[in-house]
Amino acid sequence: MRKILVVLVTSLVLSLSACGYKPLAHNTQKTLGNKIYVEVKIDPRDTQNSVTLKDELSKNIFERLHANIVNKDEATSVIEVQLHSVNFSSLAENRTGFATFYRCEVIVEFKYKNNLSQKKRVFNKKGFYNFSLNESSIITDSVRLEAINNATLQALDGFISQVGIDGY
């Protein structure tokens, strides 16, 4: 009878206690703070994607970290982003030898500085995106832009994860 009571009390205590899990975005938010300034260095070879990168980064910071995008003088953290390289490589060809499946690979440099703790970190993150061209083997501007944006989002996910891990 006593063993049953001990087992019941132990199981009740364990079921009511929390496991302590916190999502990685929680640690990222603690590390970066609630007010973030985003600065994107425009690549003269790829101005359109650099501007899109800033928009996507701002949107993801707001959606995932629930932080506000503010002016530089109000910010608890400053994130500086630069698109370093963009490469396209062929992954598959059709019967006539034309490439029909590609991979877009980007390298994005993220520098962040927490103004409260004066902590600075630099991360180079790689992102990739595989895509098909169907019958055509020509990469149009819209397909190129979409591929770079998707690869950049993957690099951004890596940055958010790295900052969250760094915050432990």
N, C-alpha and C. Protein backbone atom coordinates (compact mmCIF):
# COMPACT_ATOMS: atom_id res chain seq x y z
N MET A 1 0.83 -1.19 0.00
CA MET A 1 0.00 0.00 0.00
C MET A 1 0.88 1.26 0.00
N ARG A 2 1.93 1.20 0.80
CA ARG A 2 2.83 2.35 0.89
C ARG A 2 3.56 2.58 -0.43
N LYS A 3 3.96 1.51 -1.12
CA LYS A 3 4.64 1.63 -2.41
C LYS A 3 3.72 2.25 -3.44
N ILE A 4 2.47 1.87 -3.42
CA ILE A 4 1.49 2.42 -4.37
C ILE A 4 1.32 3.91 -4.12
N LEU A 5 1.25 4.31 -2.87
CA LEU A 5 1.10 5.71 -2.52
C LEU A 5 2.32 6.52 -2.97
N VAL A 6 3.51 5.97 -2.77
CA VAL A 6 4.74 6.64 -3.20
C VAL A 6 4.77 6.79 -4.71
N VAL A 7 4.38 5.74 -5.42
CA VAL A 7 4.34 5.79 -6.89
C VAL A 7 3.32 6.82 -7.36
N LEU A 8 2.16 6.87 -6.77
CA LEU A 8 1.13 7.83 -7.15
C LEU A 8 1.57 9.27 -6.88
N VAL A 9 2.16 9.51 -5.72
CA VAL A 9 2.62 10.86 -5.39
C VAL A 9 3.75 11.27 -6.33
N THR A 10 4.68 10.37 -6.59
CA THR A 10 5.79 10.67 -7.49
C THR A 10 5.29 10.97 -8.90
N SER A 11 4.37 10.16 -9.40
CA SER A 11 3.84 10.40 -10.74
C SER A 11 3.04 11.69 -10.81
N LEU A 12 2.32 12.03 -9.72
CA LEU A 12 1.58 13.29 -9.69
C LEU A 12 2.54 14.48 -9.71
N VAL A 13 3.60 14.41 -8.93
CA VAL A 13 4.58 15.50 -8.90
C VAL A 13 5.25 15.65 -10.26
N LEU A 14 5.63 14.55 -10.87
CA LEU A 14 6.29 14.61 -12.18
C LEU A 14 5.35 15.11 -13.27
N SER A 15 4.10 14.75 -13.21
CA SER A 15 3.16 15.18 -14.25
C SER A 15 2.81 16.66 -14.11
N LEU A 16 2.87 17.21 -12.91
CA LEU A 16 2.55 18.62 -12.72
C LEU A 16 3.74 19.54 -12.91
N SER A 17 4.92 19.00 -12.85
CA SER A 17 6.11 19.85 -13.03
C SER A 17 6.39 20.02 -14.52
N ALA A 18 6.92 21.18 -14.88
CA ALA A 18 7.22 21.47 -16.28
C ALA A 18 8.57 20.89 -16.65
N CYS A 19 8.74 20.65 -17.93
CA CYS A 19 10.00 20.07 -18.40
C CYS A 19 11.09 21.12 -18.56
N GLY A 20 10.71 22.40 -18.62
CA GLY A 20 11.71 23.46 -18.72
C GLY A 20 12.10 23.79 -20.15
N TYR A 21 11.43 23.22 -21.13
CA TYR A 21 11.77 23.49 -22.53
C TYR A 21 11.40 24.92 -22.90
N LYS A 22 12.31 25.59 -23.54
CA LYS A 22 12.05 26.91 -24.10
C LYS A 22 12.51 26.89 -25.55
N PRO A 23 11.71 27.43 -26.45
CA PRO A 23 12.12 27.46 -27.85
C PRO A 23 13.38 28.30 -28.04
N LEU A 24 14.10 27.99 -29.10
CA LEU A 24 15.35 28.68 -29.39
C LEU A 24 15.12 30.17 -29.62
N ALA A 25 13.98 30.52 -30.17
CA ALA A 25 13.67 31.93 -30.41
C ALA A 25 13.61 32.71 -29.10
N HIS A 26 13.24 32.04 -28.01
CA HIS A 26 13.21 32.71 -26.70
C HIS A 26 14.62 33.16 -26.30
N ASN A 27 15.61 32.28 -26.46
CA ASN A 27 16.99 32.64 -26.14
C ASN A 27 17.52 33.70 -27.10
N THR A 28 17.13 33.61 -28.36
CA THR A 28 17.55 34.62 -29.33
C THR A 28 17.00 35.98 -28.95
N GLN A 29 15.74 36.01 -28.53
CA GLN A 29 15.12 37.26 -28.12
C GLN A 29 15.81 37.83 -26.88
N LYS A 30 16.19 36.96 -25.94
CA LYS A 30 16.91 37.43 -24.75
C LYS A 30 18.26 38.01 -25.14
N THR A 31 18.94 37.36 -26.09
CA THR A 31 20.27 37.81 -26.50
C THR A 31 20.21 39.13 -27.25
N LEU A 32 19.25 39.26 -28.16
CA LEU A 32 19.18 40.46 -28.99
C LEU A 32 18.39 41.60 -28.35
N GLY A 33 17.48 41.29 -27.46
CA GLY A 33 16.66 42.32 -26.84
C GLY A 33 15.37 42.53 -27.60
N ASN A 34 14.61 43.51 -27.16
CA ASN A 34 13.28 43.75 -27.72
C ASN A 34 13.27 44.82 -28.81
N LYS A 35 14.34 45.60 -28.91
CA LYS A 35 14.41 46.68 -29.91
C LYS A 35 15.64 46.44 -30.76
N ILE A 36 15.42 46.22 -32.05
CA ILE A 36 16.50 45.84 -32.95
C ILE A 36 16.53 46.78 -34.14
N TYR A 37 17.74 47.15 -34.53
CA TYR A 37 17.96 47.94 -35.74
C TYR A 37 18.63 47.04 -36.77
N VAL A 38 18.13 47.06 -37.99
CA VAL A 38 18.68 46.22 -39.06
C VAL A 38 19.32 47.13 -40.10
N GLU A 39 20.57 46.84 -40.39
CA GLU A 39 21.30 47.59 -41.42
C GLU A 39 21.81 46.60 -42.45
N VAL A 40 21.47 46.83 -43.70
CA VAL A 40 21.92 45.94 -44.77
C VAL A 40 22.88 46.71 -45.65
N LYS A 41 24.07 46.14 -45.84
CA LYS A 41 25.03 46.73 -46.76
C LYS A 41 24.64 46.30 -48.16
N ILE A 42 24.35 47.26 -49.00
CA ILE A 42 23.88 47.00 -50.35
C ILE A 42 25.04 46.54 -51.22
N ASP A 43 24.82 45.41 -51.87
CA ASP A 43 25.81 44.89 -52.81
C ASP A 43 25.54 45.54 -54.16
N PRO A 44 26.50 46.29 -54.71
CA PRO A 44 26.24 46.99 -55.98
C PRO A 44 25.94 46.03 -57.14
N ARG A 45 26.40 44.78 -57.04
CA ARG A 45 26.12 43.81 -58.11
C ARG A 45 24.72 43.23 -57.99
N ASP A 46 24.13 43.34 -56.80
CA ASP A 46 22.83 42.69 -56.57
C ASP A 46 21.98 43.55 -55.64
N THR A 47 21.63 44.74 -56.11
CA THR A 47 20.91 45.69 -55.25
C THR A 47 19.52 45.20 -54.87
N GLN A 48 18.81 44.58 -55.80
CA GLN A 48 17.44 44.15 -55.54
C GLN A 48 17.38 43.11 -54.43
N ASN A 49 18.29 42.15 -54.44
CA ASN A 49 18.28 41.13 -53.40
C ASN A 49 18.73 41.69 -52.06
N SER A 50 19.59 42.67 -52.06
CA SER A 50 20.02 43.28 -50.80
C SER A 50 18.86 43.99 -50.11
N VAL A 51 18.04 44.68 -50.88
CA VAL A 51 16.88 45.36 -50.32
C VAL A 51 15.86 44.33 -49.83
N THR A 52 15.64 43.29 -50.60
CA THR A 52 14.73 42.22 -50.20
C THR A 52 15.22 41.54 -48.93
N LEU A 53 16.53 41.38 -48.80
CA LEU A 53 17.12 40.77 -47.61
C LEU A 53 16.75 41.58 -46.36
N LYS A 54 16.83 42.90 -46.44
CA LYS A 54 16.47 43.73 -45.29
C LYS A 54 15.00 43.56 -44.94
N ASP A 55 14.13 43.55 -45.94
CA ASP A 55 12.70 43.39 -45.69
C ASP A 55 12.41 42.03 -45.03
N GLU A 56 13.01 40.98 -45.55
CA GLU A 56 12.79 39.64 -45.01
C GLU A 56 13.33 39.52 -43.59
N LEU A 57 14.50 40.08 -43.35
CA LEU A 57 15.09 40.04 -42.02
C LEU A 57 14.21 40.79 -41.02
N SER A 58 13.76 41.96 -41.38
CA SER A 58 12.88 42.74 -40.50
C SER A 58 11.58 41.99 -40.22
N LYS A 59 11.00 41.41 -41.27
CA LYS A 59 9.76 40.65 -41.11
C LYS A 59 9.96 39.45 -40.19
N ASN A 60 11.06 38.72 -40.38
CA ASN A 60 11.31 37.54 -39.56
C ASN A 60 11.63 37.90 -38.11
N ILE A 61 12.34 38.98 -37.89
CA ILE A 61 12.61 39.42 -36.52
C ILE A 61 11.30 39.75 -35.82
N PHE A 62 10.42 40.42 -36.53
CA PHE A 62 9.12 40.78 -35.94
C PHE A 62 8.26 39.54 -35.69
N GLU A 63 8.18 38.62 -36.67
CA GLU A 63 7.32 37.45 -36.54
C GLU A 63 7.87 36.39 -35.59
N ARG A 64 9.14 36.09 -35.68
CA ARG A 64 9.70 34.99 -34.90
C ARG A 64 10.14 35.40 -33.51
N LEU A 65 10.69 36.60 -33.39
CA LEU A 65 11.25 37.02 -32.11
C LEU A 65 10.34 37.99 -31.37
N HIS A 66 9.29 38.44 -32.04
CA HIS A 66 8.34 39.40 -31.46
C HIS A 66 9.06 40.64 -30.95
N ALA A 67 10.07 41.06 -31.70
CA ALA A 67 10.84 42.25 -31.36
C ALA A 67 10.43 43.38 -32.29
N ASN A 68 10.73 44.59 -31.87
CA ASN A 68 10.40 45.76 -32.67
C ASN A 68 11.62 46.22 -33.46
N ILE A 69 11.37 46.66 -34.68
CA ILE A 69 12.41 47.26 -35.51
C ILE A 69 12.37 48.76 -35.23
N VAL A 70 13.50 49.30 -34.75
CA VAL A 70 13.53 50.69 -34.32
C VAL A 70 14.71 51.41 -34.96
N ASN A 71 14.82 52.72 -34.69
CA ASN A 71 15.96 53.51 -35.14
C ASN A 71 17.22 53.06 -34.42
N LYS A 72 18.36 53.37 -35.01
CA LYS A 72 19.64 52.91 -34.47
C LYS A 72 19.90 53.43 -33.06
N ASP A 73 19.52 54.68 -32.78
CA ASP A 73 19.80 55.26 -31.47
C ASP A 73 18.91 54.69 -30.36
N GLU A 74 17.78 54.06 -30.70
CA GLU A 74 16.88 53.46 -29.71
C GLU A 74 17.13 51.98 -29.51
N ALA A 75 17.93 51.36 -30.36
CA ALA A 75 18.05 49.90 -30.41
C ALA A 75 18.88 49.33 -29.26
N THR A 76 18.45 48.14 -28.79
CA THR A 76 19.26 47.39 -27.84
C THR A 76 20.28 46.54 -28.60
N SER A 77 19.97 46.18 -29.85
CA SER A 77 20.89 45.43 -30.69
C SER A 77 20.88 45.98 -32.11
N VAL A 78 22.04 45.92 -32.73
CA VAL A 78 22.17 46.32 -34.13
C VAL A 78 22.64 45.10 -34.91
N ILE A 79 21.91 44.78 -35.97
CA ILE A 79 22.28 43.67 -36.84
C ILE A 79 22.68 44.24 -38.19
N GLU A 80 23.90 43.95 -38.60
CA GLU A 80 24.42 44.39 -39.89
C GLU A 80 24.51 43.16 -40.79
N VAL A 81 23.92 43.25 -41.96
CA VAL A 81 23.83 42.10 -42.86
C VAL A 81 24.43 42.46 -44.21
N GLN A 82 25.19 41.51 -44.78
CA GLN A 82 25.74 41.71 -46.11
C GLN A 82 25.68 40.40 -46.88
N LEU A 83 25.17 40.46 -48.09
CA LEU A 83 25.13 39.31 -48.99
C LEU A 83 26.50 39.20 -49.64
N HIS A 84 27.28 38.18 -49.25
CA HIS A 84 28.66 38.06 -49.74
C HIS A 84 28.75 37.41 -51.11
N SER A 85 28.07 36.30 -51.30
CA SER A 85 28.20 35.65 -52.60
C SER A 85 26.91 34.91 -52.95
N VAL A 86 26.70 34.80 -54.25
CA VAL A 86 25.57 34.07 -54.81
C VAL A 86 26.12 33.19 -55.92
N ASN A 87 25.87 31.89 -55.83
CA ASN A 87 26.34 30.95 -56.84
C ASN A 87 25.20 30.04 -57.28
N PHE A 88 25.15 29.80 -58.57
CA PHE A 88 24.19 28.85 -59.14
C PHE A 88 24.97 27.69 -59.73
N SER A 89 24.52 26.48 -59.44
CA SER A 89 25.18 25.31 -60.02
C SER A 89 24.12 24.34 -60.53
N SER A 90 24.46 23.66 -61.59
CA SER A 90 23.55 22.70 -62.20
C SER A 90 23.58 21.38 -61.42
N LEU A 91 22.40 20.84 -61.15
CA LEU A 91 22.29 19.57 -60.44
C LEU A 91 21.84 18.43 -61.35
N ALA A 92 21.08 18.76 -62.38
CA ALA A 92 20.58 17.71 -63.28
C ALA A 92 20.39 18.29 -64.69
N GLU A 93 20.49 17.40 -65.66
CA GLU A 93 20.34 17.81 -67.06
C GLU A 93 19.30 16.92 -67.73
N ASN A 94 18.73 17.45 -68.81
CA ASN A 94 17.78 16.64 -69.57
C ASN A 94 18.55 15.79 -70.59
N ARG A 95 17.83 15.08 -71.44
CA ARG A 95 18.47 14.16 -72.39
C ARG A 95 19.37 14.86 -73.39
N THR A 96 19.08 16.10 -73.67
CA THR A 96 19.89 16.83 -74.66
C THR A 96 21.07 17.56 -74.03
N GLY A 97 21.22 17.46 -72.73
CA GLY A 97 22.38 18.04 -72.07
C GLY A 97 22.17 19.42 -71.47
N PHE A 98 20.93 19.94 -71.53
CA PHE A 98 20.66 21.25 -70.94
C PHE A 98 20.29 21.09 -69.47
N ALA A 99 20.80 21.99 -68.64
CA ALA A 99 20.52 21.94 -67.21
C ALA A 99 19.05 22.28 -66.95
N THR A 100 18.40 21.47 -66.13
CA THR A 100 17.00 21.70 -65.80
C THR A 100 16.76 21.79 -64.30
N PHE A 101 17.74 21.45 -63.50
CA PHE A 101 17.60 21.49 -62.05
C PHE A 101 18.84 22.17 -61.49
N TYR A 102 18.63 23.21 -60.70
CA TYR A 102 19.73 24.03 -60.20
C TYR A 102 19.71 24.13 -58.67
N ARG A 103 20.85 24.54 -58.15
CA ARG A 103 20.96 24.89 -56.74
C ARG A 103 21.52 26.31 -56.67
N CYS A 104 20.85 27.14 -55.88
CA CYS A 104 21.33 28.48 -55.59
C CYS A 104 21.93 28.44 -54.19
N GLU A 105 23.17 28.90 -54.06
CA GLU A 105 23.86 28.91 -52.78
C GLU A 105 24.29 30.34 -52.48
N VAL A 106 23.97 30.81 -51.28
CA VAL A 106 24.35 32.16 -50.87
C VAL A 106 25.17 32.09 -49.58
N ILE A 107 26.03 33.06 -49.41
CA ILE A 107 26.74 33.24 -48.15
C ILE A 107 26.41 34.65 -47.67
N VAL A 108 25.87 34.71 -46.46
CA VAL A 108 25.44 35.98 -45.87
C VAL A 108 26.23 36.20 -44.59
N GLU A 109 26.78 37.40 -44.44
CA GLU A 109 27.49 37.74 -43.21
C GLU A 109 26.55 38.52 -42.30
N PHE A 110 26.43 38.05 -41.07
CA PHE A 110 25.62 38.71 -40.05
C PHE A 110 26.56 39.19 -38.95
N LYS A 111 26.50 40.49 -38.65
CA LYS A 111 27.24 41.05 -37.51
C LYS A 111 26.18 41.60 -36.57
N TYR A 112 26.28 41.21 -35.30
CA TYR A 112 25.36 41.84 -34.37
C TYR A 112 26.10 42.36 -33.16
N LYS A 113 25.57 43.44 -32.62
CA LYS A 113 26.13 44.04 -31.43
C LYS A 113 24.99 44.35 -30.48
N ASN A 114 25.12 43.85 -29.25
CA ASN A 114 24.15 44.18 -28.22
C ASN A 114 24.67 45.44 -27.52
N ASN A 115 23.91 46.51 -27.60
CA ASN A 115 24.35 47.79 -27.04
C ASN A 115 24.38 47.79 -25.52
N LEU A 116 23.61 46.91 -24.88
CA LEU A 116 23.60 46.87 -23.42
C LEU A 116 24.81 46.13 -22.86
N SER A 117 25.10 44.96 -23.44
CA SER A 117 26.23 44.16 -22.94
C SER A 117 27.52 44.40 -23.72
N GLN A 118 27.44 45.17 -24.80
CA GLN A 118 28.58 45.46 -25.67
C GLN A 118 29.15 44.19 -26.32
N LYS A 119 28.36 43.14 -26.37
CA LYS A 119 28.80 41.89 -26.98
C LYS A 119 28.66 42.01 -28.50
N LYS A 120 29.73 41.62 -29.21
CA LYS A 120 29.74 41.65 -30.68
C LYS A 120 30.02 40.26 -31.19
N ARG A 121 29.33 39.87 -32.24
CA ARG A 121 29.57 38.57 -32.87
C ARG A 121 29.40 38.71 -34.37
N VAL A 122 30.14 37.88 -35.10
CA VAL A 122 30.05 37.84 -36.57
C VAL A 122 29.82 36.39 -36.97
N PHE A 123 28.81 36.17 -37.81
CA PHE A 123 28.50 34.83 -38.32
C PHE A 123 28.41 34.89 -39.84
N ASN A 124 29.04 33.95 -40.50
CA ASN A 124 28.84 33.75 -41.94
C ASN A 124 27.96 32.52 -42.08
N LYS A 125 26.80 32.72 -42.66
CA LYS A 125 25.85 31.62 -42.80
C LYS A 125 25.60 31.32 -44.27
N LYS A 126 25.52 30.04 -44.57
CA LYS A 126 25.28 29.59 -45.93
C LYS A 126 23.83 29.10 -46.02
N GLY A 127 23.20 29.44 -47.11
CA GLY A 127 21.86 28.96 -47.38
C GLY A 127 21.80 28.46 -48.81
N PHE A 128 20.91 27.50 -49.05
CA PHE A 128 20.77 27.02 -50.42
C PHE A 128 19.31 26.76 -50.73
N TYR A 129 19.02 26.71 -52.03
CA TYR A 129 17.67 26.46 -52.51
C TYR A 129 17.78 25.72 -53.83
N ASN A 130 17.13 24.58 -53.92
CA ASN A 130 17.10 23.79 -55.16
C ASN A 130 15.82 24.10 -55.92
N PHE A 131 15.92 24.23 -57.23
CA PHE A 131 14.74 24.54 -58.03
C PHE A 131 14.86 23.93 -59.42
N SER A 132 13.69 23.74 -60.02
CA SER A 132 13.60 23.15 -61.35
C SER A 132 13.16 24.20 -62.35
N LEU A 133 13.64 24.05 -63.58
CA LEU A 133 13.25 24.98 -64.64
C LEU A 133 12.29 24.36 -65.64
N ASN A 134 11.85 23.15 -65.39
CA ASN A 134 10.94 22.42 -66.27
C ASN A 134 11.54 22.24 -67.65
N GLU A 135 10.92 22.75 -68.67
CA GLU A 135 11.39 22.54 -70.05
C GLU A 135 12.51 23.49 -70.45
N SER A 136 12.55 24.65 -69.83
CA SER A 136 13.54 25.64 -70.20
C SER A 136 14.82 25.44 -69.38
N SER A 137 15.94 25.84 -69.93
CA SER A 137 17.18 25.78 -69.18
C SER A 137 17.71 27.18 -68.89
N ILE A 138 16.85 28.18 -69.05
CA ILE A 138 17.25 29.58 -68.86
C ILE A 138 16.70 30.07 -67.52
N ILE A 139 17.59 30.64 -66.71
CA ILE A 139 17.18 31.20 -65.42
C ILE A 139 16.74 32.65 -65.65
N THR A 140 15.45 32.91 -65.50
CA THR A 140 14.93 34.26 -65.68
C THR A 140 15.21 35.08 -64.42
N ASP A 141 15.04 36.39 -64.54
CA ASP A 141 15.28 37.27 -63.39
C ASP A 141 14.36 36.95 -62.22
N SER A 142 13.09 36.65 -62.51
CA SER A 142 12.16 36.36 -61.42
C SER A 142 12.50 35.05 -60.72
N VAL A 143 12.91 34.04 -61.49
CA VAL A 143 13.32 32.76 -60.89
C VAL A 143 14.59 32.95 -60.08
N ARG A 144 15.52 33.73 -60.60
CA ARG A 144 16.77 34.01 -59.90
C ARG A 144 16.50 34.72 -58.58
N LEU A 145 15.64 35.74 -58.60
CA LEU A 145 15.31 36.49 -57.39
C LEU A 145 14.64 35.60 -56.35
N GLU A 146 13.72 34.77 -56.80
CA GLU A 146 13.03 33.86 -55.88
C GLU A 146 14.01 32.86 -55.26
N ALA A 147 14.91 32.33 -56.05
CA ALA A 147 15.89 31.36 -55.54
C ALA A 147 16.82 32.01 -54.52
N ILE A 148 17.29 33.21 -54.80
CA ILE A 148 18.17 33.90 -53.87
C ILE A 148 17.44 34.23 -52.57
N ASN A 149 16.18 34.66 -52.69
CA ASN A 149 15.40 34.98 -51.50
C ASN A 149 15.21 33.75 -50.61
N ASN A 150 14.88 32.61 -51.23
CA ASN A 150 14.69 31.39 -50.44
C ASN A 150 15.99 30.91 -49.80
N ALA A 151 17.09 31.01 -50.51
CA ALA A 151 18.38 30.62 -49.94
C ALA A 151 18.77 31.57 -48.81
N THR A 152 18.47 32.84 -48.97
CA THR A 152 18.77 33.82 -47.94
C THR A 152 17.94 33.57 -46.68
N LEU A 153 16.69 33.16 -46.85
CA LEU A 153 15.85 32.83 -45.69
C LEU A 153 16.44 31.66 -44.91
N GLN A 154 17.01 30.70 -45.62
CA GLN A 154 17.65 29.58 -44.93
C GLN A 154 18.88 30.05 -44.15
N ALA A 155 19.65 30.97 -44.72
CA ALA A 155 20.80 31.53 -44.01
C ALA A 155 20.32 32.32 -42.79
N LEU A 156 19.22 33.03 -42.92
CA LEU A 156 18.64 33.78 -41.81
C LEU A 156 18.21 32.85 -40.68
N ASP A 157 17.62 31.71 -41.03
CA ASP A 157 17.26 30.71 -40.01
C ASP A 157 18.49 30.24 -39.25
N GLY A 158 19.58 30.05 -39.98
CA GLY A 158 20.83 29.66 -39.34
C GLY A 158 21.35 30.73 -38.40
N PHE A 159 21.20 31.99 -38.77
CA PHE A 159 21.63 33.09 -37.91
C PHE A 159 20.81 33.13 -36.63
N ILE A 160 19.49 33.04 -36.75
CA ILE A 160 18.62 33.08 -35.58
C ILE A 160 18.96 31.92 -34.64
N SER A 161 19.20 30.74 -35.20
CA SER A 161 19.56 29.58 -34.38
C SER A 161 20.91 29.80 -33.70
N GLN A 162 21.87 30.33 -34.43
CA GLN A 162 23.21 30.55 -33.88
C GLN A 162 23.18 31.55 -32.74
N VAL A 163 22.41 32.61 -32.88
CA VAL A 163 22.31 33.62 -31.82
C VAL A 163 21.62 33.00 -30.60
N GLY A 164 20.61 32.16 -30.83
CA GLY A 164 19.92 31.50 -29.72
C GLY A 164 20.84 30.57 -28.97
N ILE A 165 21.66 29.82 -29.69
CA ILE A 165 22.62 28.93 -29.05
C ILE A 165 23.69 29.73 -28.33
N ASP A 166 24.10 30.83 -28.94
CA ASP A 166 25.11 31.70 -28.34
C ASP A 166 24.60 32.32 -27.04
N GLY A 167 23.27 32.46 -26.93
CA GLY A 167 22.68 33.08 -25.74
C GLY A 167 22.61 32.19 -24.53
N TYR A 168 22.91 30.90 -24.68
CA TYR A 168 22.84 29.99 -23.54
C TYR A 168 23.92 30.29 -22.53
